[in-house]
């Protein structure tokens, strides 16, 4: 997520916004878990996979909102 943004801009927002930092870290963890489950590396129940995907989508929506409403650094 945010691969199309400058790494410096993402890093700056992570330093200035704890919620963004925590959510981005969590989103990356969820992405790995979902990918591993779908590839069969770490199989999980369908219901658990659905819950992970739902949480990942919620995190993405919140991250996008924070990104779009960020203030420029002083």
Protein backbone atom coordinates (compact mmCIF):
# COMPACT_ATOMS: atom_id res chain seq x y z
CA UNK A 1 0.00 0.00 0.00
CA UNK A 2 1.22 3.50 -0.88
CA UNK A 3 3.71 2.03 -3.37
CA UNK A 4 2.83 4.84 -5.78
CA UNK A 5 3.71 7.50 -3.18
CA UNK A 6 7.16 8.81 -2.38
CA UNK A 7 8.70 6.78 0.43
CA UNK A 8 9.83 10.02 2.13
CA UNK A 9 6.23 11.27 2.26
CA UNK A 10 4.96 8.02 3.73
CA UNK A 11 7.80 7.91 6.26
CA UNK A 12 7.14 11.52 7.25
CA UNK A 13 3.47 10.81 7.92
CA UNK A 14 4.39 7.70 9.92
CA UNK A 15 6.63 9.86 12.11
CA UNK A 16 3.97 12.52 12.60
CA UNK A 17 0.89 10.33 13.01
CA UNK A 18 0.90 7.38 15.41
CA UNK A 19 -2.44 6.07 14.18
CA UNK A 20 -1.19 6.01 10.59
CA UNK A 21 1.99 4.21 11.65
CA UNK A 22 0.11 1.57 13.65
CA UNK A 23 -2.47 1.02 10.93
CA UNK A 24 0.12 0.75 8.17
CA UNK A 25 2.09 -1.78 10.20
CA UNK A 26 -1.09 -3.75 10.90
CA UNK A 27 -2.18 -3.58 7.25
CA UNK A 28 1.18 -5.01 6.16
CA UNK A 29 0.88 -7.83 8.73
CA UNK A 30 -2.64 -8.62 7.56
CA UNK A 31 -1.54 -8.56 3.92
CA UNK A 32 1.14 -11.16 4.66
CA UNK A 33 -1.29 -13.34 6.63
CA UNK A 34 -3.92 -13.21 3.87
CA UNK A 35 -1.34 -13.95 1.17
CA UNK A 36 0.09 -16.87 3.16
CA UNK A 37 -3.40 -18.28 3.73
CA UNK A 38 -4.38 -17.96 0.08
CA UNK A 39 -1.15 -19.62 -1.08
CA UNK A 40 -1.60 -22.43 1.44
CA UNK A 41 1.58 -21.55 3.35
CA UNK A 42 -0.47 -21.15 6.52
CA UNK A 43 -3.95 -22.48 5.78
CA UNK A 44 -6.78 -21.13 7.92
CA UNK A 45 -10.54 -21.54 8.07
CA UNK A 46 -12.57 -19.60 5.50
CA UNK A 47 -14.33 -17.62 8.22
CA UNK A 48 -10.99 -16.56 9.76
CA UNK A 49 -9.66 -15.58 6.34
CA UNK A 50 -12.79 -13.53 5.71
CA UNK A 51 -12.27 -11.73 9.05
CA UNK A 52 -8.64 -10.95 8.16
CA UNK A 53 -9.69 -9.56 4.78
CA UNK A 54 -12.38 -7.45 6.40
CA UNK A 55 -9.95 -6.00 8.94
CA UNK A 56 -7.40 -5.37 6.18
CA UNK A 57 -10.00 -3.50 4.13
CA UNK A 58 -11.04 -1.41 7.15
CA UNK A 59 -7.37 -0.53 7.77
CA UNK A 60 -6.90 0.41 4.12
CA UNK A 61 -9.97 2.66 4.18
CA UNK A 62 -8.78 4.41 7.34
CA UNK A 63 -5.22 4.78 5.99
CA UNK A 64 -6.57 6.28 2.78
CA UNK A 65 -8.69 8.73 4.75
CA UNK A 66 -5.72 9.80 6.90
CA UNK A 67 -3.50 10.13 3.80
CA UNK A 68 -6.04 12.25 1.95
CA UNK A 69 -6.56 14.54 4.98
CA UNK A 70 -2.94 14.87 6.04
CA UNK A 71 -1.47 18.28 6.68
CA UNK A 72 1.75 19.35 5.08
CA UNK A 73 4.72 19.34 7.48
CA UNK A 74 5.52 22.70 9.00
